[in-house]
mmCIF file of all heavy atoms, coordinates in Angstrom:
data_MODEL
# 
_entry.id   MODEL 
# 
loop_
_atom_site.group_PDB 
_atom_site.id 
_atom_site.type_symbol 
_atom_site.label_atom_id 
_atom_site.label_alt_id 
_atom_site.label_comp_id 
_atom_site.label_asym_id 
_atom_site.label_entity_id 
_atom_site.label_seq_id 
_atom_site.pdbx_PDB_ins_code 
_atom_site.Cartn_x 
_atom_site.Cartn_y 
_atom_site.Cartn_z 
_atom_site.occupancy 
_atom_site.B_iso_or_equiv 
_atom_site.pdbx_formal_charge 
_atom_site.auth_seq_id 
_atom_site.auth_comp_id 
_atom_site.auth_asym_id 
_atom_site.auth_atom_id 
_atom_site.pdbx_PDB_model_num 
ATOM 1   N N   . GLY A 1 1  ? 8.040  -20.747 50.424 1.00 0.00 ? 1  GLY A N   1 
ATOM 2   C CA  . GLY A 1 1  ? 8.809  -19.526 50.213 1.00 0.00 ? 1  GLY A CA  1 
ATOM 3   C C   . GLY A 1 1  ? 10.209 -19.799 49.720 1.00 0.00 ? 1  GLY A C   1 
ATOM 4   O O   . GLY A 1 1  ? 10.732 -19.080 48.840 1.00 0.00 ? 1  GLY A O   1 
ATOM 5   N N   . GLN A 1 2  ? 10.850 -20.824 50.255 1.00 0.00 ? 2  GLN A N   1 
ATOM 6   C CA  . GLN A 1 2  ? 12.200 -21.180 49.805 1.00 0.00 ? 2  GLN A CA  1 
ATOM 7   C C   . GLN A 1 2  ? 12.192 -21.633 48.346 1.00 0.00 ? 2  GLN A C   1 
ATOM 8   O O   . GLN A 1 2  ? 13.083 -21.288 47.579 1.00 0.00 ? 2  GLN A O   1 
ATOM 9   C CB  . GLN A 1 2  ? 12.771 -22.288 50.694 1.00 0.00 ? 2  GLN A CB  1 
ATOM 10  C CG  . GLN A 1 2  ? 14.144 -22.769 50.237 1.00 0.00 ? 2  GLN A CG  1 
ATOM 11  C CD  . GLN A 1 2  ? 14.796 -23.687 51.253 1.00 0.00 ? 2  GLN A CD  1 
ATOM 12  O OE1 . GLN A 1 2  ? 15.546 -23.255 52.114 1.00 0.00 ? 2  GLN A OE1 1 
ATOM 13  N NE2 . GLN A 1 2  ? 14.512 -24.969 51.165 1.00 0.00 ? 2  GLN A NE2 1 
ATOM 14  N N   . LEU A 1 3  ? 11.180 -22.404 47.977 1.00 0.00 ? 3  LEU A N   1 
ATOM 15  C CA  . LEU A 1 3  ? 11.091 -22.855 46.588 1.00 0.00 ? 3  LEU A CA  1 
ATOM 16  C C   . LEU A 1 3  ? 10.912 -21.670 45.642 1.00 0.00 ? 3  LEU A C   1 
ATOM 17  O O   . LEU A 1 3  ? 11.539 -21.609 44.570 1.00 0.00 ? 3  LEU A O   1 
ATOM 18  C CB  . LEU A 1 3  ? 9.944  -23.864 46.449 1.00 0.00 ? 3  LEU A CB  1 
ATOM 19  C CG  . LEU A 1 3  ? 9.715  -24.475 45.075 1.00 0.00 ? 3  LEU A CG  1 
ATOM 20  C CD1 . LEU A 1 3  ? 11.002 -25.040 44.482 1.00 0.00 ? 3  LEU A CD1 1 
ATOM 21  C CD2 . LEU A 1 3  ? 8.645  -25.558 45.154 1.00 0.00 ? 3  LEU A CD2 1 
ATOM 22  N N   . LEU A 1 4  ? 10.070 -20.717 46.028 1.00 0.00 ? 4  LEU A N   1 
ATOM 23  C CA  . LEU A 1 4  ? 9.886  -19.530 45.203 1.00 0.00 ? 4  LEU A CA  1 
ATOM 24  C C   . LEU A 1 4  ? 11.176 -18.713 45.107 1.00 0.00 ? 4  LEU A C   1 
ATOM 25  O O   . LEU A 1 4  ? 11.488 -18.153 44.053 1.00 0.00 ? 4  LEU A O   1 
ATOM 26  C CB  . LEU A 1 4  ? 8.743  -18.669 45.766 1.00 0.00 ? 4  LEU A CB  1 
ATOM 27  C CG  . LEU A 1 4  ? 7.347  -19.311 45.713 1.00 0.00 ? 4  LEU A CG  1 
ATOM 28  C CD1 . LEU A 1 4  ? 6.350  -18.478 46.499 1.00 0.00 ? 4  LEU A CD1 1 
ATOM 29  C CD2 . LEU A 1 4  ? 6.881  -19.511 44.275 1.00 0.00 ? 4  LEU A CD2 1 
ATOM 30  N N   . ALA A 1 5  ? 11.927 -18.656 46.219 1.00 0.00 ? 5  ALA A N   1 
ATOM 31  C CA  . ALA A 1 5  ? 13.229 -17.972 46.183 1.00 0.00 ? 5  ALA A CA  1 
ATOM 32  C C   . ALA A 1 5  ? 14.205 -18.679 45.270 1.00 0.00 ? 5  ALA A C   1 
ATOM 33  O O   . ALA A 1 5  ? 14.937 -18.055 44.489 1.00 0.00 ? 5  ALA A O   1 
ATOM 34  C CB  . ALA A 1 5  ? 13.790 -17.867 47.608 1.00 0.00 ? 5  ALA A CB  1 
ATOM 35  N N   . ASP A 1 6  ? 14.232 -20.012 45.341 1.00 0.00 ? 6  ASP A N   1 
ATOM 36  C CA  . ASP A 1 6  ? 15.100 -20.774 44.445 1.00 0.00 ? 6  ASP A CA  1 
ATOM 37  C C   . ASP A 1 6  ? 14.766 -20.506 42.996 1.00 0.00 ? 6  ASP A C   1 
ATOM 38  O O   . ASP A 1 6  ? 15.641 -20.499 42.120 1.00 0.00 ? 6  ASP A O   1 
ATOM 39  C CB  . ASP A 1 6  ? 14.955 -22.273 44.723 1.00 0.00 ? 6  ASP A CB  1 
ATOM 40  C CG  . ASP A 1 6  ? 15.750 -22.756 45.925 1.00 0.00 ? 6  ASP A CG  1 
ATOM 41  O OD1 . ASP A 1 6  ? 16.658 -22.039 46.380 1.00 0.00 ? 6  ASP A OD1 1 
ATOM 42  O OD2 . ASP A 1 6  ? 15.447 -23.860 46.414 1.00 0.00 ? 6  ASP A OD2 1 
ATOM 43  N N   . LEU A 1 7  ? 13.480 -20.261 42.721 1.00 0.00 ? 7  LEU A N   1 
ATOM 44  C CA  . LEU A 1 7  ? 13.033 -20.018 41.347 1.00 0.00 ? 7  LEU A CA  1 
ATOM 45  C C   . LEU A 1 7  ? 13.263 -18.581 40.913 1.00 0.00 ? 7  LEU A C   1 
ATOM 46  O O   . LEU A 1 7  ? 12.897 -18.205 39.799 1.00 0.00 ? 7  LEU A O   1 
ATOM 47  C CB  . LEU A 1 7  ? 11.562 -20.398 41.200 1.00 0.00 ? 7  LEU A CB  1 
ATOM 48  C CG  . LEU A 1 7  ? 11.245 -21.894 41.337 1.00 0.00 ? 7  LEU A CG  1 
ATOM 49  C CD1 . LEU A 1 7  ? 9.742  -22.127 41.363 1.00 0.00 ? 7  LEU A CD1 1 
ATOM 50  C CD2 . LEU A 1 7  ? 11.900 -22.702 40.223 1.00 0.00 ? 7  LEU A CD2 1 
ATOM 51  N N   . GLY A 1 8  ? 13.863 -17.782 41.786 1.00 0.00 ? 8  GLY A N   1 
ATOM 52  C CA  . GLY A 1 8  ? 14.284 -16.451 41.379 1.00 0.00 ? 8  GLY A CA  1 
ATOM 53  C C   . GLY A 1 8  ? 13.508 -15.287 41.971 1.00 0.00 ? 8  GLY A C   1 
ATOM 54  O O   . GLY A 1 8  ? 13.844 -14.123 41.721 1.00 0.00 ? 8  GLY A O   1 
ATOM 55  N N   . ALA A 1 9  ? 12.441 -15.547 42.728 1.00 0.00 ? 9  ALA A N   1 
ATOM 56  C CA  . ALA A 1 9  ? 11.663 -14.463 43.321 1.00 0.00 ? 9  ALA A CA  1 
ATOM 57  C C   . ALA A 1 9  ? 12.438 -13.795 44.449 1.00 0.00 ? 9  ALA A C   1 
ATOM 58  O O   . ALA A 1 9  ? 13.259 -14.430 45.115 1.00 0.00 ? 9  ALA A O   1 
ATOM 59  C CB  . ALA A 1 9  ? 10.323 -14.983 43.838 1.00 0.00 ? 9  ALA A CB  1 
ATOM 60  N N   . GLN A 1 10 ? 12.171 -12.521 44.682 1.00 0.00 ? 10 GLN A N   1 
ATOM 61  C CA  . GLN A 1 10 ? 12.657 -11.841 45.881 1.00 0.00 ? 10 GLN A CA  1 
ATOM 62  C C   . GLN A 1 10 ? 11.679 -12.184 46.997 1.00 0.00 ? 10 GLN A C   1 
ATOM 63  O O   . GLN A 1 10 ? 10.500 -11.819 46.936 1.00 0.00 ? 10 GLN A O   1 
ATOM 64  C CB  . GLN A 1 10 ? 12.735 -10.332 45.695 1.00 0.00 ? 10 GLN A CB  1 
ATOM 65  C CG  . GLN A 1 10 ? 13.219 -9.591  46.942 1.00 0.00 ? 10 GLN A CG  1 
ATOM 66  C CD  . GLN A 1 10 ? 13.133 -8.077  46.821 1.00 0.00 ? 10 GLN A CD  1 
ATOM 67  O OE1 . GLN A 1 10 ? 12.612 -7.555  45.825 1.00 0.00 ? 10 GLN A OE1 1 
ATOM 68  N NE2 . GLN A 1 10 ? 13.620 -7.353  47.817 1.00 0.00 ? 10 GLN A NE2 1 
ATOM 69  N N   . VAL A 1 11 ? 12.143 -12.895 48.012 1.00 0.00 ? 11 VAL A N   1 
ATOM 70  C CA  . VAL A 1 11 ? 11.277 -13.328 49.107 1.00 0.00 ? 11 VAL A CA  1 
ATOM 71  C C   . VAL A 1 11 ? 11.683 -12.598 50.375 1.00 0.00 ? 11 VAL A C   1 
ATOM 72  O O   . VAL A 1 11 ? 12.822 -12.748 50.857 1.00 0.00 ? 11 VAL A O   1 
ATOM 73  C CB  . VAL A 1 11 ? 11.354 -14.848 49.305 1.00 0.00 ? 11 VAL A CB  1 
ATOM 74  C CG1 . VAL A 1 11 ? 10.459 -15.273 50.476 1.00 0.00 ? 11 VAL A CG1 1 
ATOM 75  C CG2 . VAL A 1 11 ? 10.935 -15.584 48.035 1.00 0.00 ? 11 VAL A CG2 1 
ATOM 76  N N   . ILE A 1 12 ? 10.779 -11.782 50.899 1.00 0.00 ? 12 ILE A N   1 
ATOM 77  C CA  . ILE A 1 12 ? 11.032 -11.056 52.136 1.00 0.00 ? 12 ILE A CA  1 
ATOM 78  C C   . ILE A 1 12 ? 10.322 -11.796 53.266 1.00 0.00 ? 12 ILE A C   1 
ATOM 79  O O   . ILE A 1 12 ? 9.098  -11.902 53.280 1.00 0.00 ? 12 ILE A O   1 
ATOM 80  C CB  . ILE A 1 12 ? 10.530 -9.611  52.050 1.00 0.00 ? 12 ILE A CB  1 
ATOM 81  C CG1 . ILE A 1 12 ? 11.270 -8.869  50.922 1.00 0.00 ? 12 ILE A CG1 1 
ATOM 82  C CG2 . ILE A 1 12 ? 10.745 -8.885  53.371 1.00 0.00 ? 12 ILE A CG2 1 
ATOM 83  C CD1 . ILE A 1 12 ? 10.777 -7.454  50.672 1.00 0.00 ? 12 ILE A CD1 1 
ATOM 84  N N   . LYS A 1 13 ? 11.111 -12.306 54.185 1.00 0.00 ? 13 LYS A N   1 
ATOM 85  C CA  . LYS A 1 13 ? 10.581 -13.076 55.318 1.00 0.00 ? 13 LYS A CA  1 
ATOM 86  C C   . LYS A 1 13 ? 10.253 -12.097 56.444 1.00 0.00 ? 13 LYS A C   1 
ATOM 87  O O   . LYS A 1 13 ? 11.148 -11.449 56.992 1.00 0.00 ? 13 LYS A O   1 
ATOM 88  C CB  . LYS A 1 13 ? 11.602 -14.114 55.767 1.00 0.00 ? 13 LYS A CB  1 
ATOM 89  C CG  . LYS A 1 13 ? 11.106 -15.048 56.866 1.00 0.00 ? 13 LYS A CG  1 
ATOM 90  C CD  . LYS A 1 13 ? 12.181 -16.094 57.187 1.00 0.00 ? 13 LYS A CD  1 
ATOM 91  C CE  . LYS A 1 13 ? 11.729 -17.042 58.293 1.00 0.00 ? 13 LYS A CE  1 
ATOM 92  N NZ  . LYS A 1 13 ? 10.579 -17.883 57.878 1.00 0.00 ? 13 LYS A NZ  1 
ATOM 93  N N   . ILE A 1 14 ? 8.976  -11.982 56.769 1.00 0.00 ? 14 ILE A N   1 
ATOM 94  C CA  . ILE A 1 14 ? 8.536  -11.087 57.830 1.00 0.00 ? 14 ILE A CA  1 
ATOM 95  C C   . ILE A 1 14 ? 8.586  -11.850 59.154 1.00 0.00 ? 14 ILE A C   1 
ATOM 96  O O   . ILE A 1 14 ? 7.921  -12.876 59.314 1.00 0.00 ? 14 ILE A O   1 
ATOM 97  C CB  . ILE A 1 14 ? 7.096  -10.583 57.577 1.00 0.00 ? 14 ILE A CB  1 
ATOM 98  C CG1 . ILE A 1 14 ? 6.969  -9.955  56.183 1.00 0.00 ? 14 ILE A CG1 1 
ATOM 99  C CG2 . ILE A 1 14 ? 6.674  -9.616  58.680 1.00 0.00 ? 14 ILE A CG2 1 
ATOM 100 C CD1 . ILE A 1 14 ? 7.800  -8.732  55.977 1.00 0.00 ? 14 ILE A CD1 1 
ATOM 101 N N   . GLU A 1 15 ? 9.381  -11.352 60.089 1.00 0.00 ? 15 GLU A N   1 
ATOM 102 C CA  . GLU A 1 15 ? 9.559  -12.059 61.377 1.00 0.00 ? 15 GLU A CA  1 
ATOM 103 C C   . GLU A 1 15 ? 9.392  -11.109 62.544 1.00 0.00 ? 15 GLU A C   1 
ATOM 104 O O   . GLU A 1 15 ? 9.638  -9.895  62.435 1.00 0.00 ? 15 GLU A O   1 
ATOM 105 C CB  . GLU A 1 15 ? 10.960 -12.676 61.442 1.00 0.00 ? 15 GLU A CB  1 
ATOM 106 C CG  . GLU A 1 15 ? 11.275 -13.662 60.356 1.00 0.00 ? 15 GLU A CG  1 
ATOM 107 C CD  . GLU A 1 15 ? 12.598 -14.376 60.610 1.00 0.00 ? 15 GLU A CD  1 
ATOM 108 O OE1 . GLU A 1 15 ? 12.625 -15.278 61.470 1.00 0.00 ? 15 GLU A OE1 1 
ATOM 109 O OE2 . GLU A 1 15 ? 13.599 -14.019 59.958 1.00 0.00 ? 15 GLU A OE2 1 
ATOM 110 N N   . HIS A 1 16 ? 9.034  -11.661 63.690 1.00 0.00 ? 16 HIS A N   1 
ATOM 111 C CA  . HIS A 1 16 ? 8.947  -10.880 64.924 1.00 0.00 ? 16 HIS A CA  1 
ATOM 112 C C   . HIS A 1 16 ? 10.350 -10.428 65.324 1.00 0.00 ? 16 HIS A C   1 
ATOM 113 O O   . HIS A 1 16 ? 11.301 -11.213 65.255 1.00 0.00 ? 16 HIS A O   1 
ATOM 114 C CB  . HIS A 1 16 ? 8.325  -11.731 66.036 1.00 0.00 ? 16 HIS A CB  1 
ATOM 115 C CG  . HIS A 1 16 ? 7.988  -10.937 67.265 1.00 0.00 ? 16 HIS A CG  1 
ATOM 116 N ND1 . HIS A 1 16 ? 8.933  -10.644 68.226 1.00 0.00 ? 16 HIS A ND1 1 
ATOM 117 C CD2 . HIS A 1 16 ? 6.819  -10.379 67.680 1.00 0.00 ? 16 HIS A CD2 1 
ATOM 118 C CE1 . HIS A 1 16 ? 8.368  -9.949  69.194 1.00 0.00 ? 16 HIS A CE1 1 
ATOM 119 N NE2 . HIS A 1 16 ? 7.080  -9.772  68.883 1.00 0.00 ? 16 HIS A NE2 1 
ATOM 120 N N   . PRO A 1 17 ? 10.507 -9.168  65.754 1.00 0.00 ? 17 PRO A N   1 
ATOM 121 C CA  . PRO A 1 17 ? 11.855 -8.660  66.029 1.00 0.00 ? 17 PRO A CA  1 
ATOM 122 C C   . PRO A 1 17 ? 12.616 -9.407  67.106 1.00 0.00 ? 17 PRO A C   1 
ATOM 123 O O   . PRO A 1 17 ? 13.851 -9.442  67.071 1.00 0.00 ? 17 PRO A O   1 
ATOM 124 C CB  . PRO A 1 17 ? 11.581 -7.202  66.464 1.00 0.00 ? 17 PRO A CB  1 
ATOM 125 C CG  . PRO A 1 17 ? 10.275 -6.848  65.852 1.00 0.00 ? 17 PRO A CG  1 
ATOM 126 C CD  . PRO A 1 17 ? 9.483  -8.131  65.857 1.00 0.00 ? 17 PRO A CD  1 
ATOM 127 N N   . GLN A 1 18 ? 11.919 -9.989  68.081 1.00 0.00 ? 18 GLN A N   1 
ATOM 128 C CA  . GLN A 1 18 ? 12.615 -10.706 69.152 1.00 0.00 ? 18 GLN A CA  1 
ATOM 129 C C   . GLN A 1 18 ? 12.658 -12.229 68.914 1.00 0.00 ? 18 GLN A C   1 
ATOM 130 O O   . GLN A 1 18 ? 13.695 -12.856 69.022 1.00 0.00 ? 18 GLN A O   1 
ATOM 131 C CB  . GLN A 1 18 ? 11.953 -10.429 70.505 1.00 0.00 ? 18 GLN A CB  1 
ATOM 132 C CG  . GLN A 1 18 ? 12.331 -9.093  71.126 1.00 0.00 ? 18 GLN A CG  1 
ATOM 133 C CD  . GLN A 1 18 ? 11.655 -7.927  70.431 1.00 0.00 ? 18 GLN A CD  1 
ATOM 134 O OE1 . GLN A 1 18 ? 10.449 -7.914  70.268 1.00 0.00 ? 18 GLN A OE1 1 
ATOM 135 N NE2 . GLN A 1 18 ? 12.447 -6.949  70.018 1.00 0.00 ? 18 GLN A NE2 1 
ATOM 136 N N   . ARG A 1 19 ? 11.522 -12.796 68.568 1.00 0.00 ? 19 ARG A N   1 
ATOM 137 C CA  . ARG A 1 19 ? 11.443 -14.258 68.486 1.00 0.00 ? 19 ARG A CA  1 
ATOM 138 C C   . ARG A 1 19 ? 11.859 -14.800 67.133 1.00 0.00 ? 19 ARG A C   1 
ATOM 139 O O   . ARG A 1 19 ? 12.446 -15.873 67.037 1.00 0.00 ? 19 ARG A O   1 
ATOM 140 C CB  . ARG A 1 19 ? 10.003 -14.713 68.801 1.00 0.00 ? 19 ARG A CB  1 
ATOM 141 C CG  . ARG A 1 19 ? 9.515  -14.351 70.189 1.00 0.00 ? 19 ARG A CG  1 
ATOM 142 C CD  . ARG A 1 19 ? 8.195  -15.013 70.476 1.00 0.00 ? 19 ARG A CD  1 
ATOM 143 N NE  . ARG A 1 19 ? 7.151  -14.623 69.533 1.00 0.00 ? 19 ARG A NE  1 
ATOM 144 C CZ  . ARG A 1 19 ? 6.367  -13.554 69.682 1.00 0.00 ? 19 ARG A CZ  1 
ATOM 145 N NH1 . ARG A 1 19 ? 6.540  -12.770 70.719 1.00 0.00 ? 19 ARG A NH1 1 
ATOM 146 N NH2 . ARG A 1 19 ? 5.432  -13.283 68.802 1.00 0.00 ? 19 ARG A NH2 1 
ATOM 147 N N   . GLY A 1 20 ? 11.493 -14.109 66.089 1.00 0.00 ? 20 GLY A N   1 
ATOM 148 C CA  . GLY A 1 20 ? 11.728 -14.632 64.752 1.00 0.00 ? 20 GLY A CA  1 
ATOM 149 C C   . GLY A 1 20 ? 10.900 -15.882 64.492 1.00 0.00 ? 20 GLY A C   1 
ATOM 150 O O   . GLY A 1 20 ? 9.942  -16.195 65.221 1.00 0.00 ? 20 GLY A O   1 
ATOM 151 N N   . ASP A 1 21 ? 11.240 -16.597 63.472 1.00 0.00 ? 21 ASP A N   1 
ATOM 152 C CA  . ASP A 1 21 ? 10.594 -17.861 63.142 1.00 0.00 ? 21 ASP A CA  1 
ATOM 153 C C   . ASP A 1 21 ? 10.795 -18.841 64.307 1.00 0.00 ? 21 ASP A C   1 
ATOM 154 O O   . ASP A 1 21 ? 11.902 -18.960 64.857 1.00 0.00 ? 21 ASP A O   1 
ATOM 155 C CB  . ASP A 1 21 ? 11.220 -18.438 61.860 1.00 0.00 ? 21 ASP A CB  1 
ATOM 156 C CG  . ASP A 1 21 ? 10.448 -19.631 61.300 1.00 0.00 ? 21 ASP A CG  1 
ATOM 157 O OD1 . ASP A 1 21 ? 10.107 -20.541 62.072 1.00 0.00 ? 21 ASP A OD1 1 
ATOM 158 O OD2 . ASP A 1 21 ? 10.220 -19.654 60.095 1.00 0.00 ? 21 ASP A OD2 1 
ATOM 159 N N   . ASP A 1 22 ? 9.736  -19.550 64.689 1.00 0.00 ? 22 ASP A N   1 
ATOM 160 C CA  . ASP A 1 22 ? 9.824  -20.499 65.807 1.00 0.00 ? 22 ASP A CA  1 
ATOM 161 C C   . ASP A 1 22 ? 10.995 -21.461 65.652 1.00 0.00 ? 22 ASP A C   1 
ATOM 162 O O   . ASP A 1 22 ? 11.648 -21.842 66.627 1.00 0.00 ? 22 ASP A O   1 
ATOM 163 C CB  . ASP A 1 22 ? 8.527  -21.318 65.916 1.00 0.00 ? 22 ASP A CB  1 
ATOM 164 C CG  . ASP A 1 22 ? 7.307  -20.480 66.208 1.00 0.00 ? 22 ASP A CG  1 
ATOM 165 O OD1 . ASP A 1 22 ? 7.465  -19.273 66.490 1.00 0.00 ? 22 ASP A OD1 1 
ATOM 166 O OD2 . ASP A 1 22 ? 6.198  -21.022 66.160 1.00 0.00 ? 22 ASP A OD2 1 
ATOM 167 N N   . THR A 1 23 ? 11.261 -21.876 64.402 1.00 0.00 ? 23 THR A N   1 
ATOM 168 C CA  . THR A 1 23 ? 12.254 -22.927 64.189 1.00 0.00 ? 23 THR A CA  1 
ATOM 169 C C   . THR A 1 23 ? 13.693 -22.455 64.410 1.00 0.00 ? 23 THR A C   1 
ATOM 170 O O   . THR A 1 23 ? 14.598 -23.283 64.456 1.00 0.00 ? 23 THR A O   1 
ATOM 171 C CB  . THR A 1 23 ? 12.135 -23.517 62.775 1.00 0.00 ? 23 THR A CB  1 
ATOM 172 O OG1 . THR A 1 23 ? 12.324 -22.491 61.805 1.00 0.00 ? 23 THR A OG1 1 
ATOM 173 C CG2 . THR A 1 23 ? 10.779 -24.152 62.573 1.00 0.00 ? 23 THR A CG2 1 
ATOM 174 N N   . ARG A 1 24 ? 13.900 -21.141 64.519 1.00 0.00 ? 24 ARG A N   1 
ATOM 175 C CA  . ARG A 1 24 ? 15.264 -20.675 64.840 1.00 0.00 ? 24 ARG A CA  1 
ATOM 176 C C   . ARG A 1 24 ? 15.745 -21.264 66.163 1.00 0.00 ? 24 ARG A C   1 
ATOM 177 O O   . ARG A 1 24 ? 16.951 -21.429 66.375 1.00 0.00 ? 24 ARG A O   1 
ATOM 178 C CB  . ARG A 1 24 ? 15.294 -19.144 64.922 1.00 0.00 ? 24 ARG A CB  1 
ATOM 179 C CG  . ARG A 1 24 ? 15.192 -18.448 63.563 1.00 0.00 ? 24 ARG A CG  1 
ATOM 180 C CD  . ARG A 1 24 ? 15.337 -16.931 63.726 1.00 0.00 ? 24 ARG A CD  1 
ATOM 181 N NE  . ARG A 1 24 ? 15.193 -16.211 62.472 1.00 0.00 ? 24 ARG A NE  1 
ATOM 182 C CZ  . ARG A 1 24 ? 16.178 -15.983 61.617 1.00 0.00 ? 24 ARG A CZ  1 
ATOM 183 N NH1 . ARG A 1 24 ? 17.394 -16.427 61.878 1.00 0.00 ? 24 ARG A NH1 1 
ATOM 184 N NH2 . ARG A 1 24 ? 15.948 -15.302 60.508 1.00 0.00 ? 24 ARG A NH2 1 
ATOM 185 N N   . SER A 1 25 ? 14.805 -21.587 67.049 1.00 0.00 ? 25 SER A N   1 
ATOM 186 C CA  . SER A 1 25 ? 15.185 -22.134 68.361 1.00 0.00 ? 25 SER A CA  1 
ATOM 187 C C   . SER A 1 25 ? 14.896 -23.616 68.500 1.00 0.00 ? 25 SER A C   1 
ATOM 188 O O   . SER A 1 25 ? 14.996 -24.182 69.583 1.00 0.00 ? 25 SER A O   1 
ATOM 189 C CB  . SER A 1 25 ? 14.432 -21.375 69.467 1.00 0.00 ? 25 SER A CB  1 
ATOM 190 O OG  . SER A 1 25 ? 13.025 -21.539 69.334 1.00 0.00 ? 25 SER A OG  1 
# 
């Protein structure tokens, strides 16, 4: 997803409202 964003795409990251992406923690 990051590579596609770098290439100019609009990337919407869908995350859980409380936990978010596991790697945030």
